[in-house]
């Protein structure tokens, strides 16, 4: 069963382009695609958060 999102992605396949995701590692930014398989798995398990402003 295809969801609405799948339909939209298929319709716009020709307009899509590759997106590089960078993350900060040991003080510098590095593309995630250059990680080894273990580091890629670790990156997927990370919990993302947003900082809130202190009042």
N, C-alpha and C. Protein backbone atom coordinates (compact mmCIF):
# COMPACT_ATOMS: atom_id res chain seq x y z
N UNK A 1 0.84 -1.19 0.00
CA UNK A 1 0.00 0.00 0.00
C UNK A 1 0.88 1.25 0.00
N UNK A 2 0.64 2.13 -0.95
CA UNK A 2 1.43 3.35 -1.04
C UNK A 2 0.75 4.48 -0.29
N UNK A 3 1.55 5.21 0.43
CA UNK A 3 1.02 6.36 1.15
C UNK A 3 1.06 7.59 0.23
N UNK A 4 0.48 8.64 0.68
CA UNK A 4 0.48 9.90 -0.08
C UNK A 4 1.92 10.39 -0.28
N UNK A 5 2.76 10.20 0.74
CA UNK A 5 4.16 10.62 0.63
C UNK A 5 4.87 9.87 -0.48
N UNK A 6 4.65 8.54 -0.57
CA UNK A 6 5.28 7.75 -1.62
C UNK A 6 4.84 8.23 -3.00
N UNK A 7 3.58 8.57 -3.15
CA UNK A 7 3.07 9.05 -4.43
C UNK A 7 3.75 10.36 -4.83
N UNK A 8 3.87 11.27 -3.88
CA UNK A 8 4.49 12.56 -4.15
C UNK A 8 5.96 12.38 -4.53
N UNK A 9 6.68 11.49 -3.83
CA UNK A 9 8.08 11.25 -4.13
C UNK A 9 8.25 10.66 -5.53
N UNK A 10 7.38 9.73 -5.90
CA UNK A 10 7.46 9.14 -7.23
C UNK A 10 7.17 10.16 -8.32
N UNK A 11 6.19 11.02 -8.10
CA UNK A 11 5.83 12.03 -9.10
C UNK A 11 6.96 13.03 -9.31
N UNK A 12 7.72 13.32 -8.26
CA UNK A 12 8.77 14.34 -8.34
C UNK A 12 10.17 13.75 -8.42
N UNK A 13 10.30 12.48 -8.78
CA UNK A 13 11.60 11.81 -8.82
C UNK A 13 12.60 12.55 -9.71
N UNK A 14 12.18 13.07 -10.83
CA UNK A 14 13.10 13.75 -11.75
C UNK A 14 13.63 15.07 -11.17
N UNK A 15 12.91 15.68 -10.26
CA UNK A 15 13.32 16.96 -9.67
C UNK A 15 14.22 16.79 -8.45
N UNK A 16 14.31 15.56 -7.94
CA UNK A 16 15.07 15.33 -6.72
C UNK A 16 16.57 15.30 -7.00
N UNK A 17 17.36 15.68 -6.00
CA UNK A 17 18.81 15.62 -6.11
C UNK A 17 19.38 15.06 -4.80
N UNK A 18 20.61 14.60 -4.86
CA UNK A 18 21.25 14.02 -3.70
C UNK A 18 21.54 15.11 -2.67
N UNK A 19 21.29 14.79 -1.42
CA UNK A 19 21.52 15.73 -0.33
C UNK A 19 22.61 15.16 0.57
N UNK A 20 23.67 15.93 0.80
CA UNK A 20 24.72 15.49 1.71
C UNK A 20 24.39 15.96 3.12
N UNK A 21 24.47 15.06 4.06
CA UNK A 21 24.22 15.37 5.46
C UNK A 21 25.57 15.42 6.16
N UNK A 22 25.85 16.53 6.82
CA UNK A 22 27.09 16.70 7.56
C UNK A 22 26.80 16.66 9.05
N UNK A 23 27.76 16.16 9.81
CA UNK A 23 27.64 16.17 11.26
C UNK A 23 28.99 16.56 11.84
N UNK A 24 28.97 17.06 13.04
CA UNK A 24 30.20 17.51 13.68
C UNK A 24 30.86 16.33 14.37
N UNK A 25 32.11 16.06 13.99
CA UNK A 25 32.88 14.96 14.56
C UNK A 25 34.23 15.49 15.00
N UNK A 26 34.55 15.35 16.26
CA UNK A 26 35.86 15.74 16.79
C UNK A 26 36.24 17.17 16.40
N UNK A 27 35.29 18.08 16.47
CA UNK A 27 35.60 19.49 16.24
C UNK A 27 35.50 19.97 14.81
N UNK A 28 35.19 19.10 13.86
CA UNK A 28 35.03 19.56 12.49
C UNK A 28 33.85 18.86 11.84
N UNK A 29 33.34 19.40 10.74
CA UNK A 29 32.16 18.84 10.07
C UNK A 29 32.59 17.85 9.01
N UNK A 30 31.84 16.75 8.93
CA UNK A 30 32.19 15.66 8.02
C UNK A 30 30.92 15.06 7.45
N UNK A 31 30.90 14.69 6.15
CA UNK A 31 29.69 14.09 5.57
C UNK A 31 29.44 12.69 6.15
N UNK A 32 28.18 12.41 6.47
CA UNK A 32 27.80 11.13 7.05
C UNK A 32 28.08 9.98 6.08
N UNK A 33 27.96 10.23 4.77
CA UNK A 33 28.16 9.14 3.80
C UNK A 33 29.59 8.60 3.82
N UNK A 34 30.54 9.35 4.39
CA UNK A 34 31.92 8.87 4.44
C UNK A 34 32.18 8.02 5.69
N UNK A 35 31.19 7.87 6.57
CA UNK A 35 31.34 7.07 7.78
C UNK A 35 31.41 5.59 7.43
N UNK A 36 32.05 4.80 8.30
CA UNK A 36 32.01 3.35 8.14
C UNK A 36 30.64 2.86 8.63
N UNK A 37 30.35 1.58 8.42
CA UNK A 37 29.01 1.05 8.70
C UNK A 37 28.62 1.19 10.18
N UNK A 38 29.58 1.01 11.08
CA UNK A 38 29.29 1.14 12.50
C UNK A 38 28.94 2.56 12.89
N UNK A 39 29.68 3.52 12.37
CA UNK A 39 29.43 4.94 12.68
C UNK A 39 28.11 5.40 12.07
N UNK A 40 27.76 4.88 10.87
CA UNK A 40 26.46 5.23 10.27
C UNK A 40 25.32 4.75 11.15
N UNK A 41 25.43 3.53 11.68
CA UNK A 41 24.40 3.00 12.58
C UNK A 41 24.28 3.84 13.84
N UNK A 42 25.43 4.24 14.39
CA UNK A 42 25.43 5.08 15.58
C UNK A 42 24.76 6.42 15.29
N UNK A 43 25.03 6.98 14.12
CA UNK A 43 24.44 8.26 13.74
C UNK A 43 22.91 8.16 13.65
N UNK A 44 22.39 7.04 13.12
CA UNK A 44 20.95 6.85 13.00
C UNK A 44 20.26 6.73 14.36
N UNK A 45 20.98 6.25 15.37
CA UNK A 45 20.41 6.05 16.69
C UNK A 45 20.44 7.30 17.56
N UNK A 46 21.10 8.34 17.11
CA UNK A 46 21.20 9.57 17.92
C UNK A 46 19.83 10.19 18.15
N UNK A 47 19.69 10.79 19.31
CA UNK A 47 18.48 11.50 19.65
C UNK A 47 18.70 12.98 19.37
N UNK A 48 17.85 13.57 18.53
CA UNK A 48 17.99 14.99 18.21
C UNK A 48 17.10 15.81 19.15
N UNK A 49 17.55 16.97 19.51
CA UNK A 49 16.80 17.83 20.42
C UNK A 49 16.96 19.29 20.00
N UNK A 50 16.07 20.11 20.51
CA UNK A 50 16.15 21.55 20.28
C UNK A 50 16.31 22.23 21.65
N UNK A 51 17.23 23.14 21.71
CA UNK A 51 17.42 23.88 22.96
C UNK A 51 16.31 24.90 23.12
N UNK A 52 15.87 25.08 24.33
CA UNK A 52 14.87 26.10 24.61
C UNK A 52 15.55 27.28 25.28
N UNK A 53 14.94 28.42 25.18
CA UNK A 53 15.49 29.64 25.77
C UNK A 53 15.17 29.66 27.26
N UNK A 54 16.16 29.94 28.07
CA UNK A 54 15.96 30.04 29.51
C UNK A 54 15.18 31.32 29.81
N UNK A 55 14.28 31.23 30.76
CA UNK A 55 13.49 32.42 31.13
C UNK A 55 13.88 32.91 32.48
